[in-house]
Amino acid sequence: MRKKFLFVLSVIIIGSSSLSAQSTYEFLRLDTSPRAAAVAGSFVAGNDDPNIIFYNPAGINLLTGTPASFSFFKHLLDINSASLAVSKEFSGLGRFAAGIQYMNYGTFTRTDANGTKLGTFGAGDFALSLGYGNQLDENFYYGANLKFIYSSIESYSSTGVALDLGLHYAIPESKWHFGFSILNFGTQLKSYFSTKEDLPLDIRLGFSKELERLPLKFYWSFNRLGDRFDSFFERFKQITFGGEFRLGQSLRLRFGYDNQKRSDLKLGAISSGLAGFSIGLGFVVSKYNVDYSFSSLGSVGALHRFGISTSL
């Protein structure tokens, strides 16, 4: 069974090595969930959070009950984002899920060529994901999302459609989980202007492991494996990893590190500070899980995310 899983992954990775992530709808790359952001987005092998729909639709198969989550994301300046995720299993059919991602870029001043103010306008992005998952074999699961995307700025707008595909393999006795996903594979239906742009394709491979003698769950992810590089092995430098400490029944402490983000945010000889590092906190209040994360962008600033989840 494990050999079959590894074989499927190797075929997909090699087959996708010529694909390249491009430029439009970049908001789809952002972590909205505070829990996932706290472990630097290394969530492709997640298995107990409805926000897994945004990272690997196959992971929804390991959810129980009807979990739901709402997250708020405070970006730089007056840019704000929110997300909603919910999942439910239907006997005999499989497990379904839905997710919404929304980004508001604030208000801008409209001027003419001479700088005369003519009023204001807004800009925003929206994506709706509808997911389905089921069991492929013992401890081996698959999932897929159909995603509709809408983006607007002033009186201009663009729409797109995308597909997310995922695999998840679990080893329950040793608490290993392996995940693979292809995210945002699709096209623009309507572009802002005459030229259509590619979607931000992201191919991820990772694992999570709950340690036996330490209250820690460790996450690791290789990201953007489909991007073009000069050599095959360079694609594996875009790694993220993190951990979640369990302190009793009600408290979780989290940390994460994004290698590529730290490299991108290094400004010449200026120290990158804590860029690429993230921390988070989660605690239980009654039947609700409340989460917070802090992600450093070095001298650029920091991002704050808040979330709440429960079982309906």
C-alpha atoms as a PDB file:
ATOM      1  CA  MET A   1       0.000   0.000   0.000  1.00  0.00           C
ATOM      2  CA  ARG A   2       2.772   2.455   0.918  1.00  0.00           C
ATOM      3  CA  LYS A   3       4.636   1.620  -2.289  1.00  0.00           C
ATOM      4  CA  LYS A   4       1.489   2.371  -4.281  1.00  0.00           C
ATOM      5  CA  PHE A   5       1.131   5.759  -2.565  1.00  0.00           C
ATOM      6  CA  LEU A   6       4.765   6.727  -3.218  1.00  0.00           C
ATOM      7  CA  PHE A   7       4.511   5.576  -6.831  1.00  0.00           C
ATOM      8  CA  VAL A   8       1.425   7.747  -7.469  1.00  0.00           C
ATOM      9  CA  LEU A   9       3.185  10.778  -5.958  1.00  0.00           C
ATOM     10  CA  SER A  10       6.354  10.288  -7.994  1.00  0.00           C
ATOM     11  CA  VAL A  11       4.410  10.021 -11.263  1.00  0.00           C
ATOM     12  CA  ILE A  12       2.456  13.210 -10.552  1.00  0.00           C
ATOM     13  CA  ILE A  13       5.534  15.211  -9.490  1.00  0.00           C
ATOM     14  CA  ILE A  14       7.556  14.212 -12.546  1.00  0.00           C
ATOM     15  CA  GLY A  15       4.601  14.880 -14.820  1.00  0.00           C
ATOM     16  CA  SER A  16       4.095  18.327 -13.366  1.00  0.00           C
ATOM     17  CA  SER A  17       7.730  19.427 -13.424  1.00  0.00           C
ATOM     18  CA  SER A  18       7.184  21.517 -16.561  1.00  0.00           C
ATOM     19  CA  LEU A  19       4.306  23.489 -15.041  1.00  0.00           C
ATOM     20  CA  SER A  20       4.899  26.998 -13.789  1.00  0.00           C
ATOM     21  CA  ALA A  21       3.156  29.193 -11.225  1.00  0.00           C
ATOM     22  CA  GLN A  22       2.316  32.649 -12.545  1.00  0.00           C
ATOM     23  CA  SER A  23       0.808  35.920 -11.464  1.00  0.00           C
ATOM     24  CA  THR A  24      -2.929  36.518 -11.176  1.00  0.00           C
ATOM     25  CA  TYR A  25      -5.182  35.848  -8.140  1.00  0.00           C
ATOM     26  CA  GLU A  26      -2.134  35.796  -5.856  1.00  0.00           C
ATOM     27  CA  PHE A  27      -4.430  36.116  -2.829  1.00  0.00           C
ATOM     28  CA  LEU A  28      -5.009  32.361  -3.160  1.00  0.00           C
ATOM     29  CA  ARG A  29      -1.467  31.788  -1.869  1.00  0.00           C
ATOM     30  CA  LEU A  30      -2.112  33.565   1.443  1.00  0.00           C
ATOM     31  CA  ASP A  31      -2.692  31.634   4.646  1.00  0.00           C
ATOM     32  CA  THR A  32      -6.012  32.693   6.110  1.00  0.00           C
ATOM     33  CA  SER A  33      -6.262  30.176   8.959  1.00  0.00           C
ATOM     34  CA  PRO A  34      -4.305  31.282  12.060  1.00  0.00           C
ATOM     35  CA  ARG A  35      -3.509  27.691  12.955  1.00  0.00           C
ATOM     36  CA  ALA A  36      -2.057  26.930   9.510  1.00  0.00           C
ATOM     37  CA  ALA A  37      -0.233  30.282   9.391  1.00  0.00           C
ATOM     38  CA  ALA A  38       1.350  29.645  12.791  1.00  0.00           C
ATOM     39  CA  VAL A  39       3.071  26.548  11.364  1.00  0.00           C
ATOM     40  CA  ALA A  40       4.105  28.596   8.293  1.00  0.00           C
ATOM     41  CA  GLY A  41       1.454  27.089   6.032  1.00  0.00           C
ATOM     42  CA  SER A  42       2.973  23.593   6.187  1.00  0.00           C
ATOM     43  CA  PHE A  43      -0.517  22.119   6.388  1.00  0.00           C
ATOM     44  CA  VAL A  44      -0.719  19.836   3.341  1.00  0.00           C
ATOM     45  CA  ALA A  45      -0.754  16.753   5.615  1.00  0.00           C
ATOM     46  CA  GLY A  46      -3.207  18.250   8.117  1.00  0.00           C
ATOM     47  CA  ASN A  47      -5.994  15.959   9.228  1.00  0.00           C
ATOM     48  CA  ASP A  48      -8.073  17.576  11.994  1.00  0.00           C
ATOM     49  CA  ASP A  49      -9.059  21.070  10.845  1.00  0.00           C
ATOM     50  CA  PRO A  50     -11.756  22.131   8.313  1.00  0.00           C
ATOM     51  CA  ASN A  51      -9.286  24.675   6.868  1.00  0.00           C
ATOM     52  CA  ILE A  52      -7.489  21.732   5.283  1.00  0.00           C
ATOM     53  CA  ILE A  53      -9.793  22.334   2.303  1.00  0.00           C
ATOM     54  CA  PHE A  54      -7.502  25.249   1.332  1.00  0.00           C
ATOM     55  CA  TYR A  55      -4.341  23.076   1.438  1.00  0.00           C
ATOM     56  CA  ASN A  56      -5.328  19.536   0.493  1.00  0.00           C
ATOM     57  CA  PRO A  57      -8.952  18.499  -0.182  1.00  0.00           C
ATOM     58  CA  ALA A  58      -8.091  14.865   0.579  1.00  0.00           C
ATOM     59  CA  GLY A  59      -7.537  15.833   4.217  1.00  0.00           C
ATOM     60  CA  ILE A  60     -11.247  16.443   4.766  1.00  0.00           C
ATOM     61  CA  ASN A  61     -11.769  12.663   4.867  1.00  0.00           C
ATOM     62  CA  LEU A  62     -10.202  12.449   8.319  1.00  0.00           C
ATOM     63  CA  LEU A  63     -12.496  15.080   9.845  1.00  0.00           C
ATOM     64  CA  THR A  64     -15.284  14.002  12.170  1.00  0.00           C
ATOM     65  CA  GLY A  65     -18.726  15.459  12.763  1.00  0.00           C
ATOM     66  CA  THR A  66     -19.543  18.779  11.095  1.00  0.00           C
ATOM     67  CA  PRO A  67     -16.606  21.111  11.846  1.00  0.00           C
ATOM     68  CA  ALA A  68     -16.757  24.784  10.871  1.00  0.00           C
ATOM     69  CA  SER A  69     -14.207  27.568  11.091  1.00  0.00           C
ATOM     70  CA  PHE A  70     -14.144  31.343  10.603  1.00  0.00           C
ATOM     71  CA  SER A  71     -10.904  33.322  10.321  1.00  0.00           C
ATOM     72  CA  PHE A  72     -10.029  37.014  10.083  1.00  0.00           C
ATOM     73  CA  PHE A  73      -6.717  38.169   8.648  1.00  0.00           C
ATOM     74  CA  LYS A  74      -5.273  41.640   9.302  1.00  0.00           C
ATOM     75  CA  HIS A  75      -2.834  42.389   6.490  1.00  0.00           C
ATOM     76  CA  LEU A  76      -0.598  45.428   6.024  1.00  0.00           C
ATOM     77  CA  LEU A  77      -2.099  48.932   5.800  1.00  0.00           C
ATOM     78  CA  ASP A  78      -5.917  48.661   5.569  1.00  0.00           C
ATOM     79  CA  ILE A  79      -5.995  45.333   3.717  1.00  0.00           C
ATOM     80  CA  ASN A  80      -8.223  42.765   5.421  1.00  0.00           C
ATOM     81  CA  SER A  81      -9.221  39.209   4.638  1.00  0.00           C
ATOM     82  CA  ALA A  82     -11.648  36.612   5.958  1.00  0.00           C
ATOM     83  CA  SER A  83     -12.348  32.956   5.320  1.00  0.00           C
ATOM     84  CA  LEU A  84     -14.987  30.371   6.169  1.00  0.00           C
ATOM     85  CA  ALA A  85     -14.729  26.580   6.000  1.00  0.00           C
ATOM     86  CA  VAL A  86     -17.223  23.826   6.813  1.00  0.00           C
ATOM     87  CA  SER A  87     -17.378  20.076   6.165  1.00  0.00           C
ATOM     88  CA  LYS A  88     -19.993  17.340   6.525  1.00  0.00           C
ATOM     89  CA  GLU A  89     -20.117  13.627   5.725  1.00  0.00           C
ATOM     90  CA  PHE A  90     -23.096  12.079   3.966  1.00  0.00           C
ATOM     91  CA  SER A  91     -23.534   8.371   4.580  1.00  0.00           C
ATOM     92  CA  GLY A  92     -22.913   6.334   1.457  1.00  0.00           C
ATOM     93  CA  LEU A  93     -21.709   9.317  -0.550  1.00  0.00           C
ATOM     94  CA  GLY A  94     -18.533  10.575   1.098  1.00  0.00           C
ATOM     95  CA  ARG A  95     -17.473  13.800   2.757  1.00  0.00           C
ATOM     96  CA  PHE A  96     -18.224  17.227   1.313  1.00  0.00           C
ATOM     97  CA  ALA A  97     -16.755  20.609   2.203  1.00  0.00           C
ATOM     98  CA  ALA A  98     -17.078  24.268   1.294  1.00  0.00           C
ATOM     99  CA  GLY A  99     -14.678  27.163   1.730  1.00  0.00           C
ATOM    100  CA  ILE A 100     -14.796  30.902   1.103  1.00  0.00           C
ATOM    101  CA  GLN A 101     -11.809  33.251   0.847  1.00  0.00           C
ATOM    102  CA  TYR A 102     -12.343  37.008   0.692  1.00  0.00           C
ATOM    103  CA  MET A 103      -9.831  39.852   0.407  1.00  0.00           C
ATOM    104  CA  ASN A 104     -10.594  43.579   0.675  1.00  0.00           C
ATOM    105  CA  TYR A 105      -7.850  45.985  -0.354  1.00  0.00           C
ATOM    106  CA  GLY A 106      -9.448  49.113   1.080  1.00  0.00           C
ATOM    107  CA  THR A 107     -10.350  52.410  -0.565  1.00  0.00           C
ATOM    108  CA  PHE A 108      -8.299  54.204  -3.212  1.00  0.00           C
ATOM    109  CA  THR A 109      -8.458  57.778  -4.533  1.00  0.00           C
ATOM    110  CA  ARG A 110      -9.439  58.182  -8.187  1.00  0.00           C
ATOM    111  CA  THR A 111      -7.643  61.000 -10.050  1.00  0.00           C
ATOM    112  CA  ASP A 112      -7.309  62.197 -13.620  1.00  0.00           C
ATOM    113  CA  ALA A 113      -4.047  62.679 -15.540  1.00  0.00           C
ATOM    114  CA  ASN A 114      -3.500  66.037 -13.823  1.00  0.00           C
ATOM    115  CA  GLY A 115      -3.933  64.633 -10.327  1.00  0.00           C
ATOM    116  CA  THR A 116      -7.396  66.099  -9.794  1.00  0.00           C
ATOM    117  CA  LYS A 117      -9.383  63.978  -7.335  1.00  0.00           C
ATOM    118  CA  LEU A 118     -12.480  62.410  -8.863  1.00  0.00           C
ATOM    119  CA  GLY A 119     -13.680  60.302  -5.969  1.00  0.00           C
ATOM    120  CA  THR A 120     -12.779  56.889  -4.600  1.00  0.00           C
ATOM    121  CA  PHE A 121     -12.964  53.248  -5.640  1.00  0.00           C
ATOM    122  CA  GLY A 122     -12.394  49.838  -4.084  1.00  0.00           C
ATOM    123  CA  ALA A 123     -10.796  46.516  -4.927  1.00  0.00           C
ATOM    124  CA  GLY A 124     -11.332  42.982  -3.721  1.00  0.00           C
ATOM    125  CA  ASP A 125     -10.991  39.256  -4.401  1.00  0.00           C
ATOM    126  CA  PHE A 126     -13.296  36.328  -3.699  1.00  0.00           C
ATOM    127  CA  ALA A 127     -13.036  32.553  -4.104  1.00  0.00           C
ATOM    128  CA  LEU A 128     -15.607  29.844  -3.434  1.00  0.00           C
ATOM    129  CA  SER A 129     -14.416  26.235  -3.120  1.00  0.00           C
ATOM    130  CA  LEU A 130     -16.690  23.183  -3.149  1.00  0.00           C
ATOM    131  CA  GLY A 131     -14.906  19.997  -2.151  1.00  0.00           C
ATOM    132  CA  TYR A 132     -15.476  16.262  -2.107  1.00  0.00           C
ATOM    133  CA  GLY A 133     -13.406  13.427  -0.658  1.00  0.00           C
ATOM    134  CA  ASN A 134     -13.576   9.679  -0.201  1.00  0.00           C
ATOM    135  CA  GLN A 135     -11.456   6.635   0.537  1.00  0.00           C
ATOM    136  CA  LEU A 136      -9.283   5.184  -2.214  1.00  0.00           C
ATOM    137  CA  ASP A 137      -7.930   2.241  -0.224  1.00  0.00           C
ATOM    138  CA  GLU A 138      -7.139   1.405   3.386  1.00  0.00           C
ATOM    139  CA  ASN A 139      -5.783   4.593   5.017  1.00  0.00           C
ATOM    140  CA  PHE A 140      -5.477   6.147   1.550  1.00  0.00           C
ATOM    141  CA  TYR A 141      -7.783   9.043   0.621  1.00  0.00           C
ATOM    142  CA  TYR A 142      -8.422  11.381  -2.292  1.00  0.00           C
ATOM    143  CA  GLY A 143     -10.171  14.721  -2.625  1.00  0.00           C
ATOM    144  CA  ALA A 144     -10.951  17.493  -5.094  1.00  0.00           C
ATOM    145  CA  ASN A 145     -12.196  21.081  -4.996  1.00  0.00           C
ATOM    146  CA  LEU A 146     -13.964  22.997  -7.711  1.00  0.00           C
ATOM    147  CA  LYS A 147     -13.117  26.661  -7.237  1.00  0.00           C
ATOM    148  CA  PHE A 148     -14.791  29.795  -8.631  1.00  0.00           C
ATOM    149  CA  ILE A 149     -12.746  33.015  -8.446  1.00  0.00           C
ATOM    150  CA  TYR A 150     -13.842  36.623  -8.794  1.00  0.00           C
ATOM    151  CA  SER A 151     -11.626  39.713  -8.659  1.00  0.00           C
ATOM    152  CA  SER A 152     -12.483  43.376  -9.126  1.00  0.00           C
ATOM    153  CA  ILE A 153     -10.838  46.784  -9.070  1.00  0.00           C
ATOM    154  CA  GLU A 154     -12.863  49.931  -9.744  1.00  0.00           C
ATOM    155  CA  SER A 155     -15.214  49.066 -12.671  1.00  0.00           C
ATOM    156  CA  TYR A 156     -12.993  46.255 -13.992  1.00  0.00           C
ATOM    157  CA  SER A 157     -13.424  42.604 -13.050  1.00  0.00           C
ATOM    158  CA  SER A 158     -12.055  39.175 -13.783  1.00  0.00           C
ATOM    159  CA  THR A 159     -13.336  35.641 -13.185  1.00  0.00           C
ATOM    160  CA  GLY A 160     -11.668  32.274 -13.173  1.00  0.00           C
ATOM    161  CA  VAL A 161     -12.242  28.616 -12.418  1.00  0.00           C
ATOM    162  CA  ALA A 162      -9.781  26.183 -10.864  1.00  0.00           C
ATOM    163  CA  LEU A 163      -9.431  22.654  -9.610  1.00  0.00           C
ATOM    164  CA  ASP A 164      -7.611  21.446  -6.487  1.00  0.00           C
ATOM    165  CA  LEU A 165      -6.592  17.779  -6.308  1.00  0.00           C
ATOM    166  CA  GLY A 166      -5.224  15.961  -3.291  1.00  0.00           C
ATOM    167  CA  LEU A 167      -4.037  12.660  -1.826  1.00  0.00           C
ATOM    168  CA  HIS A 168      -3.636  11.745   1.834  1.00  0.00           C
ATOM    169  CA  TYR A 169      -2.068   8.607   3.299  1.00  0.00           C
ATOM    170  CA  ALA A 170      -2.240   7.876   7.030  1.00  0.00           C
ATOM    171  CA  ILE A 171      -0.371   5.416   9.247  1.00  0.00           C
ATOM    172  CA  PRO A 172      -2.621   5.539  12.339  1.00  0.00           C
ATOM    173  CA  GLU A 173      -0.548   3.233  14.566  1.00  0.00           C
ATOM    174  CA  SER A 174       2.506   5.525  14.381  1.00  0.00           C
ATOM    175  CA  LYS A 175       0.579   8.795  13.776  1.00  0.00           C
ATOM    176  CA  TRP A 176       2.264   9.613  10.470  1.00  0.00           C
ATOM    177  CA  HIS A 177       0.329  11.499   7.803  1.00  0.00           C
ATOM    178  CA  PHE A 178       1.497  12.215   4.238  1.00  0.00           C
ATOM    179  CA  GLY A 179      -0.155  14.702   1.905  1.00  0.00           C
ATOM    180  CA  PHE A 180       0.135  15.769  -1.707  1.00  0.00           C
ATOM    181  CA  SER A 181      -1.888  18.451  -3.485  1.00  0.00           C
ATOM    182  CA  ILE A 182      -2.129  20.410  -6.711  1.00  0.00           C
ATOM    183  CA  LEU A 183      -3.784  23.760  -6.026  1.00  0.00           C
ATOM    184  CA  ASN A 184      -5.278  26.359  -8.382  1.00  0.00           C
ATOM    185  CA  PHE A 185      -5.003  24.363 -11.592  1.00  0.00           C
ATOM    186  CA  GLY A 186      -7.290  26.296 -13.915  1.00  0.00           C
ATOM    187  CA  THR A 187      -7.820  29.290 -16.153  1.00  0.00           C
ATOM    188  CA  GLN A 188      -9.337  32.740 -16.348  1.00  0.00           C
ATOM    189  CA  LEU A 189     -12.819  32.824 -17.821  1.00  0.00           C
ATOM    190  CA  LYS A 190     -12.696  36.585 -18.129  1.00  0.00           C
ATOM    191  CA  SER A 191      -9.534  38.666 -17.891  1.00  0.00           C
ATOM    192  CA  TYR A 192      -9.172  42.291 -16.830  1.00  0.00           C
ATOM    193  CA  PHE A 193      -7.996  43.219 -20.292  1.00  0.00           C
ATOM    194  CA  SER A 194      -7.381  41.332 -23.532  1.00  0.00           C
ATOM    195  CA  THR A 195      -4.590  39.065 -22.243  1.00  0.00           C
ATOM    196  CA  LYS A 196      -5.367  36.135 -19.977  1.00  0.00           C
ATOM    197  CA  GLU A 197      -2.959  35.329 -17.146  1.00  0.00           C
ATOM    198  CA  ASP A 198      -2.090  32.016 -15.541  1.00  0.00           C
ATOM    199  CA  LEU A 199      -3.372  31.133 -12.081  1.00  0.00           C
ATOM    200  CA  PRO A 200      -0.978  30.734  -9.111  1.00  0.00           C
ATOM    201  CA  LEU A 201      -0.438  26.994  -9.486  1.00  0.00           C
ATOM    202  CA  ASP A 202       1.003  25.402  -6.348  1.00  0.00           C
ATOM    203  CA  ILE A 203       2.129  21.781  -6.003  1.00  0.00           C
ATOM    204  CA  ARG A 204       2.790  20.643  -2.432  1.00  0.00           C
ATOM    205  CA  LEU A 205       4.160  17.542  -0.762  1.00  0.00           C
ATOM    206  CA  GLY A 206       4.570  17.101   2.964  1.00  0.00           C
ATOM    207  CA  PHE A 207       3.993  15.149   6.145  1.00  0.00           C
ATOM    208  CA  SER A 208       2.935  15.536   9.748  1.00  0.00           C
ATOM    209  CA  LYS A 209       3.992  13.413  12.698  1.00  0.00           C
ATOM    210  CA  GLU A 210       2.674  13.333  16.240  1.00  0.00           C
ATOM    211  CA  LEU A 211       5.547  12.379  18.530  1.00  0.00           C
ATOM    212  CA  GLU A 212       5.089   9.581  21.035  1.00  0.00           C
ATOM    213  CA  ARG A 213       7.093  10.849  24.012  1.00  0.00           C
ATOM    214  CA  LEU A 214       6.699  14.574  23.517  1.00  0.00           C
ATOM    215  CA  PRO A 215       3.405  16.520  23.264  1.00  0.00           C
ATOM    216  CA  LEU A 216       4.366  17.863  19.832  1.00  0.00           C
ATOM    217  CA  LYS A 217       2.908  17.490  16.358  1.00  0.00           C
ATOM    218  CA  PHE A 218       5.471  18.336  13.677  1.00  0.00           C
ATOM    219  CA  TYR A 219       4.645  19.583  10.153  1.00  0.00           C
ATOM    220  CA  TRP A 220       6.832  19.752   7.028  1.00  0.00           C
ATOM    221  CA  SER A 221       5.967  20.834   3.488  1.00  0.00           C
ATOM    222  CA  PHE A 222       7.682  21.270   0.127  1.00  0.00           C
ATOM    223  CA  ASN A 223       5.825  24.022  -1.753  1.00  0.00           C
ATOM    224  CA  ARG A 224       5.558  25.289  -5.338  1.00  0.00           C
ATOM    225  CA  LEU A 225       7.132  22.149  -6.745  1.00  0.00           C
ATOM    226  CA  GLY A 226       5.789  22.983 -10.205  1.00  0.00           C
ATOM    227  CA  ASP A 227       7.701  26.269 -10.546  1.00  0.00           C
ATOM    228  CA  ARG A 228      10.478  26.454 -13.126  1.00  0.00           C
ATOM    229  CA  PHE A 229      14.072  26.220 -11.874  1.00  0.00           C
ATOM    230  CA  ASP A 230      17.471  25.798 -13.467  1.00  0.00           C
ATOM    231  CA  SER A 231      17.841  22.371 -11.865  1.00  0.00           C
ATOM    232  CA  PHE A 232      15.367  19.780 -10.607  1.00  0.00           C
ATOM    233  CA  PHE A 233      16.595  19.854  -7.005  1.00  0.00           C
ATOM    234  CA  GLU A 234      16.265  23.646  -6.679  1.00  0.00           C
ATOM    235  CA  ARG A 235      12.478  23.245  -6.480  1.00  0.00           C
ATOM    236  CA  PHE A 236      12.878  21.599  -3.067  1.00  0.00           C
ATOM    237  CA  LYS A 237      14.320  24.724  -1.429  1.00  0.00           C
ATOM    238  CA  GLN A 238      10.864  26.217  -0.938  1.00  0.00           C
ATOM    239  CA  ILE A 239      10.193  24.499   2.376  1.00  0.00           C
ATOM    240  CA  THR A 240       8.090  25.339   5.387  1.00  0.00           C
ATOM    241  CA  PHE A 241       7.913  23.546   8.709  1.00  0.00           C
ATOM    242  CA  GLY A 242       6.367  24.042  12.114  1.00  0.00           C
ATOM    243  CA  GLY A 243       5.157  22.446  15.296  1.00  0.00           C
ATOM    244  CA  GLU A 244       2.220  22.432  17.671  1.00  0.00           C
ATOM    245  CA  PHE A 245       2.775  21.804  21.392  1.00  0.00           C
ATOM    246  CA  ARG A 246      -0.127  20.467  23.442  1.00  0.00           C
ATOM    247  CA  LEU A 247      -0.141  21.959  26.926  1.00  0.00           C
ATOM    248  CA  GLY A 248      -2.965  20.099  28.623  1.00  0.00           C
ATOM    249  CA  GLN A 249      -6.421  19.697  27.116  1.00  0.00           C
ATOM    250  CA  SER A 250      -7.078  23.364  26.401  1.00  0.00           C
ATOM    251  CA  LEU A 251      -3.885  25.096  25.265  1.00  0.00           C
ATOM    252  CA  ARG A 252      -1.728  24.866  22.135  1.00  0.00           C
ATOM    253  CA  LEU A 253       1.501  26.723  21.341  1.00  0.00           C
ATOM    254  CA  ARG A 254       2.662  26.819  17.724  1.00  0.00           C
ATOM    255  CA  PHE A 255       5.700  27.908  15.723  1.00  0.00           C
ATOM    256  CA  GLY A 256       6.735  27.885  12.079  1.00  0.00           C
ATOM    257  CA  TYR A 257       9.431  28.823   9.587  1.00  0.00           C
ATOM    258  CA  ASP A 258       9.184  29.678   5.881  1.00  0.00           C
ATOM    259  CA  ASN A 259      12.578  29.384   4.174  1.00  0.00           C
ATOM    260  CA  GLN A 260      11.569  31.051   0.888  1.00  0.00           C
ATOM    261  CA  LYS A 261       9.786  33.953   2.552  1.00  0.00           C
ATOM    262  CA  ARG A 262      12.835  34.711   4.677  1.00  0.00           C
ATOM    263  CA  SER A 263      14.999  34.733   1.562  1.00  0.00           C
ATOM    264  CA  ASP A 264      12.567  36.959  -0.374  1.00  0.00           C
ATOM    265  CA  LEU A 265      12.330  39.512   2.455  1.00  0.00           C
ATOM    266  CA  LYS A 266      16.058  39.989   2.889  1.00  0.00           C
ATOM    267  CA  LEU A 267      16.749  43.564   1.712  1.00  0.00           C
ATOM    268  CA  GLY A 268      20.351  43.764   0.579  1.00  0.00           C
ATOM    269  CA  ALA A 269      22.740  44.034   3.502  1.00  0.00           C
ATOM    270  CA  ILE A 270      19.893  44.885   5.896  1.00  0.00           C
ATOM    271  CA  SER A 271      19.128  42.165   8.418  1.00  0.00           C
ATOM    272  CA  SER A 272      15.934  40.259   7.676  1.00  0.00           C
ATOM    273  CA  GLY A 273      15.120  40.163  11.382  1.00  0.00           C
ATOM    274  CA  LEU A 274      12.435  37.594  12.146  1.00  0.00           C
ATOM    275  CA  ALA A 275      11.137  37.452   8.572  1.00  0.00           C
ATOM    276  CA  GLY A 276       9.821  34.007   7.767  1.00  0.00           C
ATOM    277  CA  PHE A 277       9.144  33.078  11.385  1.00  0.00           C
ATOM    278  CA  SER A 278       5.665  32.699  12.862  1.00  0.00           C
ATOM    279  CA  ILE A 279       4.153  31.869  16.229  1.00  0.00           C
ATOM    280  CA  GLY A 280       0.639  31.127  17.390  1.00  0.00           C
ATOM    281  CA  LEU A 281      -1.640  30.300  20.261  1.00  0.00           C
ATOM    282  CA  GLY A 282      -4.792  28.194  20.466  1.00  0.00           C
ATOM    283  CA  PHE A 283      -7.106  27.558  23.383  1.00  0.00           C
ATOM    284  CA  VAL A 284     -10.501  26.051  24.055  1.00  0.00           C
ATOM    285  CA  VAL A 285     -13.395  28.102  25.435  1.00  0.00           C
ATOM    286  CA  SER A 286     -16.469  25.942  26.084  1.00  0.00           C
ATOM    287  CA  LYS A 287     -16.996  24.124  22.758  1.00  0.00           C
ATOM    288  CA  TYR A 288     -15.063  26.689  20.705  1.00  0.00           C
ATOM    289  CA  ASN A 289     -11.422  26.647  19.603  1.00  0.00           C
ATOM    290  CA  VAL A 290      -9.943  30.151  19.477  1.00  0.00           C
ATOM    291  CA  ASP A 291      -6.704  30.700  17.526  1.00  0.00           C
ATOM    292  CA  TYR A 292      -4.251  33.553  16.949  1.00  0.00           C
ATOM    293  CA  SER A 293      -1.065  33.775  14.897  1.00  0.00           C
ATOM    294  CA  PHE A 294       1.698  36.320  14.313  1.00  0.00           C
ATOM    295  CA  SER A 295       3.770  36.141  11.120  1.00  0.00           C
ATOM    296  CA  SER A 296       6.819  38.357  10.758  1.00  0.00           C
ATOM    297  CA  LEU A 297       7.730  40.076   7.479  1.00  0.00           C
ATOM    298  CA  GLY A 298      10.914  41.539   8.936  1.00  0.00           C
ATOM    299  CA  SER A 299      11.294  45.284   8.425  1.00  0.00           C
ATOM    300  CA  VAL A 300       8.155  45.307   6.229  1.00  0.00           C
ATOM    301  CA  GLY A 301       5.828  44.599   9.140  1.00  0.00           C
ATOM    302  CA  ALA A 302       3.820  41.702  10.553  1.00  0.00           C
ATOM    303  CA  LEU A 303       0.551  39.896   9.897  1.00  0.00           C
ATOM    304  CA  HIS A 304      -2.076  39.035  12.515  1.00  0.00           C
ATOM    305  CA  ARG A 305      -4.717  36.349  12.129  1.00  0.00           C
ATOM    306  CA  PHE A 306      -7.625  35.417  14.379  1.00  0.00           C
ATOM    307  CA  GLY A 307      -9.959  32.447  14.115  1.00  0.00           C
ATOM    308  CA  ILE A 308     -12.672  30.470  15.828  1.00  0.00           C
ATOM    309  CA  SER A 309     -13.864  26.960  15.081  1.00  0.00           C
ATOM    310  CA  THR A 310     -16.435  24.555  16.457  1.00  0.00           C
ATOM    311  CA  SER A 311     -18.507  21.520  15.552  1.00  0.00           C
ATOM    312  CA  LEU A 312     -22.036  22.275  14.368  1.00  0.00           C
END
